[in-house]
């Protein structure tokens, strides 16, 4: 009887511990999944197409590419955090745990997130590897994070963020409308 009385408290405590994913947690999982280059091609294209940036010396263009990439990658992380919602920390924690298992290291190898030596040491034929791998592929955490990558969308103030990033990192002053 006493344990039944505690059940609602445990449920409430479980809900209270859920929180949005952290930027550091999302960044770590994205790095392990080889998603650190997200936005790099867009940054390259932007520097090549925006007349004010295209006219800069190569050193400044390189700084601009880095600054734009940092803003785009940061925005991608924020988008994932928002998309995962109030229990995103749980999703990211499940990914982090999985990515440290042999099956997770195999997943990382498929995503290009491990070196050749690390990938060669994984026994992908073992029953343990296969069962953990397949179970994670069927998990809600797997589905939710991959879906959040598919729903990345730029914020309305992206030109302002890019202009701020260029100013802060490279001392390149552009108006947001020059970037859009």
N, C-alpha and C. Protein backbone atom coordinates (compact mmCIF):
# COMPACT_ATOMS: atom_id res chain seq x y z
N UNK A 1 0.83 -1.19 0.00
CA UNK A 1 0.00 0.00 0.00
C UNK A 1 0.87 1.25 0.00
N UNK A 2 1.91 1.23 0.83
CA UNK A 2 2.79 2.39 0.92
C UNK A 2 3.47 2.65 -0.42
N UNK A 3 3.90 1.59 -1.13
CA UNK A 3 4.56 1.78 -2.42
C UNK A 3 3.59 2.34 -3.46
N UNK A 4 2.33 2.01 -3.37
CA UNK A 4 1.35 2.59 -4.29
C UNK A 4 1.20 4.09 -4.05
N UNK A 5 1.30 4.50 -2.82
CA UNK A 5 1.20 5.92 -2.49
C UNK A 5 2.39 6.70 -3.02
N UNK A 6 3.55 6.05 -3.10
CA UNK A 6 4.76 6.71 -3.60
C UNK A 6 4.82 6.78 -5.12
N UNK A 7 4.05 5.95 -5.80
CA UNK A 7 4.09 5.90 -7.26
C UNK A 7 3.84 7.25 -7.92
N UNK A 8 2.80 8.00 -7.53
CA UNK A 8 2.62 9.32 -8.16
C UNK A 8 3.81 10.26 -7.95
N UNK A 9 4.43 10.18 -6.77
CA UNK A 9 5.59 11.03 -6.50
C UNK A 9 6.76 10.66 -7.41
N UNK A 10 6.96 9.38 -7.62
CA UNK A 10 8.04 8.94 -8.50
C UNK A 10 7.78 9.39 -9.93
N UNK A 11 6.54 9.31 -10.37
CA UNK A 11 6.21 9.76 -11.73
C UNK A 11 6.47 11.25 -11.89
N UNK A 12 6.05 12.03 -10.90
CA UNK A 12 6.29 13.47 -10.94
C UNK A 12 7.78 13.77 -10.90
N UNK A 13 8.53 13.05 -10.08
CA UNK A 13 9.98 13.25 -9.99
C UNK A 13 10.63 12.92 -11.33
N UNK A 14 10.16 11.89 -11.99
CA UNK A 14 10.71 11.53 -13.30
C UNK A 14 10.45 12.61 -14.33
N UNK A 15 9.28 13.20 -14.28
CA UNK A 15 8.97 14.28 -15.21
C UNK A 15 9.77 15.53 -14.91
N UNK A 16 10.00 15.78 -13.63
CA UNK A 16 10.72 16.98 -13.24
C UNK A 16 12.18 16.92 -13.68
N UNK A 17 12.73 15.72 -13.82
CA UNK A 17 14.13 15.61 -14.19
C UNK A 17 14.36 15.81 -15.68
N UNK A 18 13.32 15.73 -16.49
CA UNK A 18 13.46 15.95 -17.92
C UNK A 18 13.77 17.42 -18.18
N UNK A 19 14.66 17.66 -19.12
CA UNK A 19 15.05 19.03 -19.44
C UNK A 19 15.45 19.08 -20.92
N UNK A 20 15.46 20.28 -21.47
CA UNK A 20 15.96 20.39 -22.85
C UNK A 20 17.42 19.95 -22.94
N UNK A 21 17.81 19.51 -24.08
CA UNK A 21 19.20 19.13 -24.31
C UNK A 21 20.09 20.34 -24.15
N UNK A 22 21.32 20.11 -23.75
CA UNK A 22 22.28 21.20 -23.63
C UNK A 22 23.02 21.39 -24.95
N UNK A 23 23.52 22.58 -25.16
CA UNK A 23 24.30 22.85 -26.36
C UNK A 23 25.54 21.96 -26.39
N UNK A 24 26.19 21.80 -25.24
CA UNK A 24 27.40 20.97 -25.18
C UNK A 24 27.08 19.51 -25.50
N UNK A 25 25.97 19.00 -24.99
CA UNK A 25 25.58 17.62 -25.26
C UNK A 25 25.28 17.39 -26.73
N UNK A 26 24.53 18.31 -27.32
CA UNK A 26 24.20 18.20 -28.74
C UNK A 26 25.47 18.34 -29.58
N UNK A 27 26.35 19.28 -29.21
CA UNK A 27 27.60 19.46 -29.96
C UNK A 27 28.44 18.20 -29.91
N UNK A 28 28.52 17.54 -28.77
CA UNK A 28 29.32 16.32 -28.63
C UNK A 28 28.76 15.20 -29.51
N UNK A 29 27.45 15.00 -29.46
CA UNK A 29 26.83 13.95 -30.29
C UNK A 29 26.99 14.28 -31.77
N UNK A 30 26.79 15.53 -32.14
CA UNK A 30 26.96 15.92 -33.55
C UNK A 30 28.40 15.69 -34.00
N UNK A 31 29.36 16.01 -33.15
CA UNK A 31 30.77 15.79 -33.49
C UNK A 31 31.04 14.31 -33.71
N UNK A 32 30.53 13.47 -32.80
CA UNK A 32 30.74 12.03 -32.92
C UNK A 32 30.05 11.45 -34.15
N UNK A 33 28.98 12.11 -34.60
CA UNK A 33 28.27 11.66 -35.81
C UNK A 33 28.81 12.32 -37.08
N UNK A 34 29.93 13.03 -36.94
CA UNK A 34 30.58 13.69 -38.07
C UNK A 34 29.67 14.76 -38.69
N UNK A 35 28.93 15.46 -37.86
CA UNK A 35 28.05 16.53 -38.32
C UNK A 35 28.69 17.91 -38.13
N UNK A 36 29.94 17.94 -37.75
CA UNK A 36 30.63 19.21 -37.50
C UNK A 36 30.82 20.05 -38.75
N UNK A 37 30.68 19.44 -39.90
CA UNK A 37 30.85 20.21 -41.13
C UNK A 37 29.52 20.74 -41.66
N UNK A 38 28.43 20.52 -40.91
CA UNK A 38 27.13 21.05 -41.35
C UNK A 38 27.25 22.56 -41.54
N UNK A 39 26.88 23.04 -42.66
CA UNK A 39 26.92 24.47 -42.93
C UNK A 39 28.21 24.94 -43.59
N UNK A 40 29.22 24.08 -43.66
CA UNK A 40 30.51 24.50 -44.24
C UNK A 40 30.35 24.84 -45.72
N UNK A 41 29.61 24.02 -46.45
CA UNK A 41 29.40 24.28 -47.88
C UNK A 41 28.60 25.57 -48.07
N UNK A 42 27.63 25.81 -47.20
CA UNK A 42 26.85 27.05 -47.29
C UNK A 42 27.72 28.26 -47.00
N UNK A 43 28.62 28.13 -46.03
CA UNK A 43 29.53 29.24 -45.71
C UNK A 43 30.45 29.52 -46.89
N UNK A 44 30.96 28.47 -47.50
CA UNK A 44 31.83 28.62 -48.67
C UNK A 44 31.08 29.32 -49.80
N UNK A 45 29.85 28.88 -50.05
CA UNK A 45 29.04 29.46 -51.12
C UNK A 45 28.72 30.93 -50.82
N UNK A 46 28.39 31.23 -49.58
CA UNK A 46 28.05 32.60 -49.22
C UNK A 46 29.22 33.54 -49.45
N UNK A 47 30.41 33.12 -49.05
CA UNK A 47 31.59 33.97 -49.23
C UNK A 47 31.88 34.15 -50.72
N UNK A 48 31.62 33.12 -51.51
CA UNK A 48 31.86 33.21 -52.95
C UNK A 48 30.82 34.05 -53.67
N UNK A 49 29.62 34.19 -53.10
CA UNK A 49 28.54 34.88 -53.80
C UNK A 49 28.21 36.28 -53.29
N UNK A 50 28.49 36.57 -52.04
CA UNK A 50 28.19 37.90 -51.50
C UNK A 50 29.31 38.84 -51.96
N UNK A 51 28.96 39.83 -52.77
CA UNK A 51 30.00 40.69 -53.35
C UNK A 51 30.97 41.29 -52.33
N UNK A 52 30.46 41.77 -51.20
CA UNK A 52 31.33 42.38 -50.18
C UNK A 52 32.33 41.39 -49.60
N UNK A 53 31.92 40.14 -49.48
CA UNK A 53 32.82 39.11 -48.96
C UNK A 53 33.77 38.60 -50.04
N UNK A 54 33.26 38.47 -51.23
CA UNK A 54 34.05 37.97 -52.36
C UNK A 54 35.23 38.90 -52.66
N UNK A 55 35.07 40.18 -52.41
CA UNK A 55 36.10 41.18 -52.72
C UNK A 55 37.20 41.24 -51.66
N UNK A 56 37.04 40.57 -50.55
CA UNK A 56 38.02 40.61 -49.47
C UNK A 56 39.28 39.82 -49.82
N UNK A 57 40.40 40.14 -49.18
CA UNK A 57 41.61 39.32 -49.33
C UNK A 57 41.35 37.91 -48.80
N UNK A 58 42.14 36.94 -49.26
CA UNK A 58 41.91 35.52 -48.90
C UNK A 58 41.88 35.30 -47.39
N UNK A 59 42.75 35.91 -46.63
CA UNK A 59 42.75 35.72 -45.18
C UNK A 59 41.43 36.14 -44.55
N UNK A 60 40.89 37.25 -45.02
CA UNK A 60 39.59 37.72 -44.51
C UNK A 60 38.46 36.81 -44.98
N UNK A 61 38.56 36.31 -46.21
CA UNK A 61 37.52 35.38 -46.71
C UNK A 61 37.54 34.10 -45.88
N UNK A 62 38.74 33.63 -45.53
CA UNK A 62 38.84 32.43 -44.70
C UNK A 62 38.21 32.67 -43.33
N UNK A 63 38.48 33.82 -42.75
CA UNK A 63 37.88 34.17 -41.46
C UNK A 63 36.35 34.23 -41.61
N UNK A 64 35.88 34.81 -42.70
CA UNK A 64 34.44 34.92 -42.95
C UNK A 64 33.81 33.53 -43.07
N UNK A 65 34.47 32.63 -43.79
CA UNK A 65 33.95 31.26 -43.92
C UNK A 65 33.84 30.61 -42.54
N UNK A 66 34.87 30.77 -41.73
CA UNK A 66 34.85 30.19 -40.38
C UNK A 66 33.75 30.80 -39.52
N UNK A 67 33.61 32.10 -39.58
CA UNK A 67 32.59 32.79 -38.78
C UNK A 67 31.18 32.37 -39.21
N UNK A 68 30.96 32.33 -40.50
CA UNK A 68 29.64 31.94 -41.02
C UNK A 68 29.36 30.49 -40.65
N UNK A 69 30.35 29.62 -40.82
CA UNK A 69 30.18 28.22 -40.46
C UNK A 69 29.84 28.07 -38.99
N UNK A 70 30.53 28.80 -38.12
CA UNK A 70 30.26 28.74 -36.67
C UNK A 70 28.83 29.16 -36.37
N UNK A 71 28.35 30.21 -37.02
CA UNK A 71 26.97 30.66 -36.79
C UNK A 71 25.99 29.60 -37.28
N UNK A 72 26.22 29.06 -38.47
CA UNK A 72 25.31 28.05 -39.02
C UNK A 72 25.30 26.78 -38.18
N UNK A 73 26.46 26.35 -37.72
CA UNK A 73 26.54 25.15 -36.89
C UNK A 73 25.87 25.40 -35.54
N UNK A 74 26.08 26.57 -34.97
CA UNK A 74 25.42 26.92 -33.71
C UNK A 74 23.91 26.96 -33.87
N UNK A 75 23.46 27.49 -35.00
CA UNK A 75 22.03 27.53 -35.26
C UNK A 75 21.47 26.13 -35.45
N UNK A 76 22.21 25.25 -36.08
CA UNK A 76 21.77 23.86 -36.24
C UNK A 76 21.61 23.20 -34.86
N UNK A 77 22.56 23.43 -33.97
CA UNK A 77 22.44 22.87 -32.62
C UNK A 77 21.21 23.42 -31.89
N UNK A 78 21.00 24.73 -31.99
CA UNK A 78 19.81 25.33 -31.34
C UNK A 78 18.53 24.76 -31.93
N UNK A 79 18.50 24.55 -33.22
CA UNK A 79 17.32 23.98 -33.88
C UNK A 79 17.06 22.56 -33.36
N UNK A 80 18.11 21.77 -33.22
CA UNK A 80 17.96 20.41 -32.69
C UNK A 80 17.45 20.48 -31.25
N UNK A 81 18.02 21.34 -30.45
CA UNK A 81 17.59 21.48 -29.05
C UNK A 81 16.11 21.84 -28.99
N UNK A 82 15.71 22.81 -29.78
CA UNK A 82 14.29 23.21 -29.79
C UNK A 82 13.40 22.09 -30.28
N UNK A 83 13.83 21.39 -31.32
CA UNK A 83 13.01 20.33 -31.89
C UNK A 83 12.85 19.16 -30.92
N UNK A 84 13.90 18.84 -30.17
CA UNK A 84 13.81 17.72 -29.23
C UNK A 84 12.92 18.05 -28.03
N UNK A 85 12.75 19.31 -27.73
CA UNK A 85 11.81 19.73 -26.70
C UNK A 85 12.28 19.55 -25.28
N UNK A 86 11.29 19.45 -24.39
CA UNK A 86 11.54 19.48 -22.95
C UNK A 86 12.26 18.26 -22.40
N UNK A 87 12.33 17.17 -23.16
CA UNK A 87 13.06 15.99 -22.69
C UNK A 87 14.23 15.67 -23.61
N UNK A 88 14.73 16.67 -24.29
CA UNK A 88 15.85 16.48 -25.19
C UNK A 88 17.10 15.97 -24.52
N UNK A 89 17.28 16.31 -23.24
CA UNK A 89 18.45 15.79 -22.52
C UNK A 89 18.44 14.27 -22.47
N UNK A 90 17.27 13.68 -22.37
CA UNK A 90 17.15 12.22 -22.34
C UNK A 90 17.55 11.63 -23.69
N UNK A 91 17.09 12.24 -24.76
CA UNK A 91 17.43 11.77 -26.10
C UNK A 91 18.93 11.84 -26.33
N UNK A 92 19.53 12.96 -25.98
CA UNK A 92 20.97 13.14 -26.18
C UNK A 92 21.76 12.20 -25.28
N UNK A 93 21.30 11.99 -24.05
CA UNK A 93 21.98 11.05 -23.14
C UNK A 93 21.94 9.63 -23.69
N UNK A 94 20.80 9.23 -24.28
CA UNK A 94 20.70 7.89 -24.87
C UNK A 94 21.67 7.76 -26.05
N UNK A 95 21.76 8.80 -26.87
CA UNK A 95 22.70 8.78 -27.99
C UNK A 95 24.14 8.70 -27.48
N UNK A 96 24.45 9.50 -26.48
CA UNK A 96 25.82 9.53 -25.95
C UNK A 96 26.22 8.15 -25.41
N UNK A 97 25.30 7.51 -24.68
CA UNK A 97 25.59 6.17 -24.16
C UNK A 97 25.78 5.18 -25.30
N UNK A 98 24.88 5.21 -26.27
CA UNK A 98 24.96 4.28 -27.40
C UNK A 98 26.26 4.47 -28.18
N UNK A 99 26.64 5.70 -28.44
CA UNK A 99 27.82 5.97 -29.27
C UNK A 99 29.12 5.49 -28.63
N UNK A 100 29.10 5.22 -27.32
CA UNK A 100 30.29 4.70 -26.65
C UNK A 100 30.33 3.17 -26.64
N UNK A 101 29.25 2.52 -27.04
CA UNK A 101 29.24 1.05 -27.10
C UNK A 101 29.92 0.60 -28.40
N UNK A 102 30.31 -0.69 -28.48
CA UNK A 102 30.85 -1.18 -29.74
C UNK A 102 29.88 -0.97 -30.91
N UNK A 103 28.59 -1.17 -30.67
CA UNK A 103 27.60 -0.95 -31.72
C UNK A 103 27.54 0.52 -32.11
N UNK A 104 27.64 1.39 -31.12
CA UNK A 104 27.65 2.83 -31.38
C UNK A 104 28.88 3.25 -32.16
N UNK A 105 30.01 2.62 -31.86
CA UNK A 105 31.23 2.92 -32.60
C UNK A 105 31.10 2.45 -34.04
N UNK A 106 30.39 1.36 -34.25
CA UNK A 106 30.10 0.92 -35.62
C UNK A 106 29.20 1.92 -36.34
N UNK A 107 28.23 2.44 -35.63
CA UNK A 107 27.34 3.46 -36.18
C UNK A 107 28.15 4.69 -36.56
N UNK A 108 29.06 5.08 -35.65
CA UNK A 108 29.92 6.23 -35.92
C UNK A 108 30.77 5.99 -37.16
N UNK A 109 31.27 4.77 -37.32
CA UNK A 109 32.07 4.44 -38.49
C UNK A 109 31.25 4.61 -39.77
N UNK A 110 29.99 4.19 -39.73
CA UNK A 110 29.12 4.36 -40.89
C UNK A 110 28.87 5.84 -41.19
N UNK A 111 28.85 6.65 -40.14
CA UNK A 111 28.62 8.09 -40.31
C UNK A 111 29.91 8.84 -40.61
N UNK A 112 31.03 8.12 -40.65
CA UNK A 112 32.31 8.77 -40.92
C UNK A 112 32.90 9.45 -39.70
N UNK A 113 32.44 9.05 -38.51
CA UNK A 113 32.89 9.70 -37.28
C UNK A 113 33.98 8.97 -36.52
N UNK A 114 34.60 7.94 -37.13
CA UNK A 114 35.71 7.25 -36.47
C UNK A 114 36.84 7.06 -37.46
N UNK A 115 37.99 6.77 -36.93
CA UNK A 115 39.14 6.51 -37.79
C UNK A 115 39.08 5.07 -38.28
N UNK A 116 39.88 4.76 -39.29
CA UNK A 116 39.92 3.41 -39.84
C UNK A 116 40.31 2.37 -38.82
N UNK A 117 41.30 2.69 -37.96
CA UNK A 117 41.74 1.74 -36.93
C UNK A 117 40.61 1.42 -35.95
N UNK A 118 39.88 2.45 -35.53
CA UNK A 118 38.76 2.23 -34.60
C UNK A 118 37.69 1.36 -35.24
N UNK A 119 37.39 1.61 -36.50
CA UNK A 119 36.36 0.86 -37.20
C UNK A 119 36.76 -0.60 -37.41
N UNK A 120 38.03 -0.85 -37.67
CA UNK A 120 38.50 -2.22 -37.91
C UNK A 120 38.42 -3.09 -36.68
N UNK A 121 38.48 -2.49 -35.50
CA UNK A 121 38.48 -3.27 -34.26
C UNK A 121 37.07 -3.68 -33.82
N UNK A 122 36.05 -3.29 -34.55
CA UNK A 122 34.67 -3.57 -34.16
C UNK A 122 34.22 -4.89 -34.80
N UNK A 123 33.71 -5.80 -33.98
CA UNK A 123 33.21 -7.08 -34.48
C UNK A 123 31.74 -6.94 -34.84
N UNK A 124 31.48 -6.51 -36.07
CA UNK A 124 30.11 -6.27 -36.51
C UNK A 124 29.33 -7.57 -36.71
N UNK A 125 30.01 -8.71 -36.69
CA UNK A 125 29.33 -9.99 -36.87
C UNK A 125 28.80 -10.59 -35.57
N UNK A 126 29.22 -10.04 -34.45
CA UNK A 126 28.78 -10.62 -33.17
C UNK A 126 27.29 -10.39 -32.95
N UNK A 127 26.69 -11.35 -32.27
CA UNK A 127 25.27 -11.26 -31.97
C UNK A 127 24.97 -10.06 -31.06
N UNK A 128 25.86 -9.84 -30.09
CA UNK A 128 25.72 -8.70 -29.17
C UNK A 128 25.71 -7.38 -29.95
N UNK A 129 26.68 -7.24 -30.87
CA UNK A 129 26.76 -6.03 -31.68
C UNK A 129 25.46 -5.82 -32.44
N UNK A 130 25.01 -6.85 -33.12
CA UNK A 130 23.81 -6.76 -33.95
C UNK A 130 22.58 -6.42 -33.12
N UNK A 131 22.42 -7.07 -31.98
CA UNK A 131 21.20 -6.83 -31.19
C UNK A 131 21.16 -5.41 -30.64
N UNK A 132 22.30 -4.92 -30.13
CA UNK A 132 22.33 -3.55 -29.61
C UNK A 132 22.13 -2.55 -30.75
N UNK A 133 22.77 -2.80 -31.88
CA UNK A 133 22.66 -1.91 -33.04
C UNK A 133 21.21 -1.82 -33.50
N UNK A 134 20.57 -2.98 -33.69
CA UNK A 134 19.19 -3.01 -34.17
C UNK A 134 18.22 -2.41 -33.16
N UNK A 135 18.45 -2.67 -31.88
CA UNK A 135 17.57 -2.11 -30.85
C UNK A 135 17.65 -0.59 -30.86
N UNK A 136 18.86 -0.05 -31.03
CA UNK A 136 18.97 1.41 -31.04
C UNK A 136 18.33 2.00 -32.29
N UNK A 137 18.50 1.34 -33.43
CA UNK A 137 17.87 1.84 -34.66
C UNK A 137 16.35 1.90 -34.53
N UNK A 138 15.79 1.03 -33.71
CA UNK A 138 14.34 1.01 -33.51
C UNK A 138 13.89 1.92 -32.36
N UNK A 139 14.83 2.57 -31.69
CA UNK A 139 14.48 3.38 -30.52
C UNK A 139 13.91 4.74 -30.90
N UNK A 140 13.16 5.29 -29.97
CA UNK A 140 12.61 6.64 -30.15
C UNK A 140 13.74 7.68 -30.19
N UNK A 141 14.79 7.48 -29.41
CA UNK A 141 15.91 8.44 -29.40
C UNK A 141 16.54 8.53 -30.78
N UNK A 142 16.75 7.39 -31.42
CA UNK A 142 17.32 7.37 -32.77
C UNK A 142 16.42 8.14 -33.73
N UNK A 143 15.17 7.80 -33.71
CA UNK A 143 14.19 8.43 -34.61
C UNK A 143 14.11 9.94 -34.40
N UNK A 144 14.04 10.35 -33.13
CA UNK A 144 13.84 11.78 -32.84
C UNK A 144 15.03 12.63 -33.26
N UNK A 145 16.26 12.17 -32.98
CA UNK A 145 17.41 12.99 -33.36
C UNK A 145 17.54 13.08 -34.87
N UNK A 146 17.41 11.95 -35.56
CA UNK A 146 17.52 11.99 -37.02
C UNK A 146 16.43 12.86 -37.63
N UNK A 147 15.22 12.78 -37.08
CA UNK A 147 14.14 13.62 -37.56
C UNK A 147 14.44 15.10 -37.33
N UNK A 148 15.07 15.41 -36.20
CA UNK A 148 15.39 16.81 -35.92
C UNK A 148 16.42 17.34 -36.91
N UNK A 149 17.36 16.49 -37.36
CA UNK A 149 18.31 16.92 -38.39
C UNK A 149 17.56 17.23 -39.69
N UNK A 150 16.51 16.47 -39.97
CA UNK A 150 15.72 16.70 -41.18
C UNK A 150 14.86 17.94 -41.12
N UNK A 151 14.63 18.46 -39.93
CA UNK A 151 13.77 19.64 -39.79
C UNK A 151 14.55 20.92 -39.52
N UNK A 152 15.84 20.91 -39.75
CA UNK A 152 16.62 22.12 -39.52
C UNK A 152 16.10 23.23 -40.42
N UNK A 153 15.89 24.37 -39.81
CA UNK A 153 15.43 25.50 -40.61
C UNK A 153 16.08 26.78 -40.06
N UNK A 154 16.44 27.68 -40.97
CA UNK A 154 17.10 28.91 -40.51
C UNK A 154 16.12 29.82 -39.79
N UNK A 155 16.59 30.51 -38.77
CA UNK A 155 15.71 31.45 -38.07
C UNK A 155 15.52 32.71 -38.91
N UNK A 156 14.50 33.45 -38.58
CA UNK A 156 14.21 34.69 -39.31
C UNK A 156 15.34 35.70 -39.20
N UNK A 157 16.06 35.68 -38.09
CA UNK A 157 17.12 36.67 -37.88
C UNK A 157 18.51 36.14 -38.28
N UNK A 158 18.57 35.14 -39.14
CA UNK A 158 19.86 34.58 -39.53
C UNK A 158 20.79 35.64 -40.15
N UNK A 159 20.32 36.51 -41.04
CA UNK A 159 21.23 37.53 -41.56
C UNK A 159 21.84 38.40 -40.45
N UNK A 160 21.05 38.73 -39.43
CA UNK A 160 21.56 39.53 -38.32
C UNK A 160 22.61 38.73 -37.54
N UNK A 161 22.35 37.44 -37.31
CA UNK A 161 23.31 36.60 -36.61
C UNK A 161 24.61 36.48 -37.39
N UNK A 162 24.51 36.32 -38.71
CA UNK A 162 25.70 36.22 -39.55
C UNK A 162 26.50 37.52 -39.52
N UNK A 163 25.81 38.65 -39.61
CA UNK A 163 26.49 39.95 -39.58
C UNK A 163 27.21 40.14 -38.24
N UNK A 164 26.55 39.73 -37.14
CA UNK A 164 27.18 39.82 -35.81
C UNK A 164 28.40 38.91 -35.73
N UNK A 165 28.27 37.68 -36.24
CA UNK A 165 29.38 36.74 -36.21
C UNK A 165 30.57 37.24 -37.02
N UNK A 166 30.30 37.82 -38.19
CA UNK A 166 31.38 38.38 -39.01
C UNK A 166 32.06 39.54 -38.30
N UNK A 167 31.27 40.39 -37.65
CA UNK A 167 31.83 41.53 -36.93
C UNK A 167 32.65 41.06 -35.73
N UNK A 168 32.08 40.15 -34.94
CA UNK A 168 32.73 39.70 -33.71
C UNK A 168 34.01 38.91 -33.98
N UNK A 169 33.97 38.01 -34.95
CA UNK A 169 35.12 37.12 -35.19
C UNK A 169 36.15 37.70 -36.14
N UNK A 170 35.68 38.49 -37.12
CA UNK A 170 36.60 38.90 -38.19
C UNK A 170 36.72 40.41 -38.35
N UNK A 171 35.93 41.15 -37.59
CA UNK A 171 35.89 42.61 -37.73
C UNK A 171 35.48 43.02 -39.14
N UNK A 172 34.59 42.21 -39.73
CA UNK A 172 34.04 42.53 -41.05
C UNK A 172 32.64 43.09 -40.81
N UNK A 173 32.46 44.35 -41.20
CA UNK A 173 31.17 45.00 -40.97
C UNK A 173 30.31 44.93 -42.23
N UNK A 174 29.23 44.18 -42.12
CA UNK A 174 28.25 44.07 -43.20
C UNK A 174 26.88 44.33 -42.62
N UNK A 175 26.01 44.86 -43.44
CA UNK A 175 24.62 45.01 -43.03
C UNK A 175 23.93 43.68 -43.30
N UNK A 176 22.99 43.30 -42.43
CA UNK A 176 22.30 42.02 -42.63
C UNK A 176 21.70 41.86 -44.03
N UNK A 177 21.18 42.94 -44.60
CA UNK A 177 20.59 42.83 -45.94
C UNK A 177 21.61 42.52 -47.02
N UNK A 178 22.90 42.78 -46.77
CA UNK A 178 23.94 42.42 -47.72
C UNK A 178 24.18 40.91 -47.75
N UNK A 179 23.79 40.24 -46.68
CA UNK A 179 24.04 38.81 -46.55
C UNK A 179 22.86 37.98 -47.04
N UNK A 180 21.67 38.49 -46.89
CA UNK A 180 20.47 37.69 -47.19
C UNK A 180 20.28 37.37 -48.64
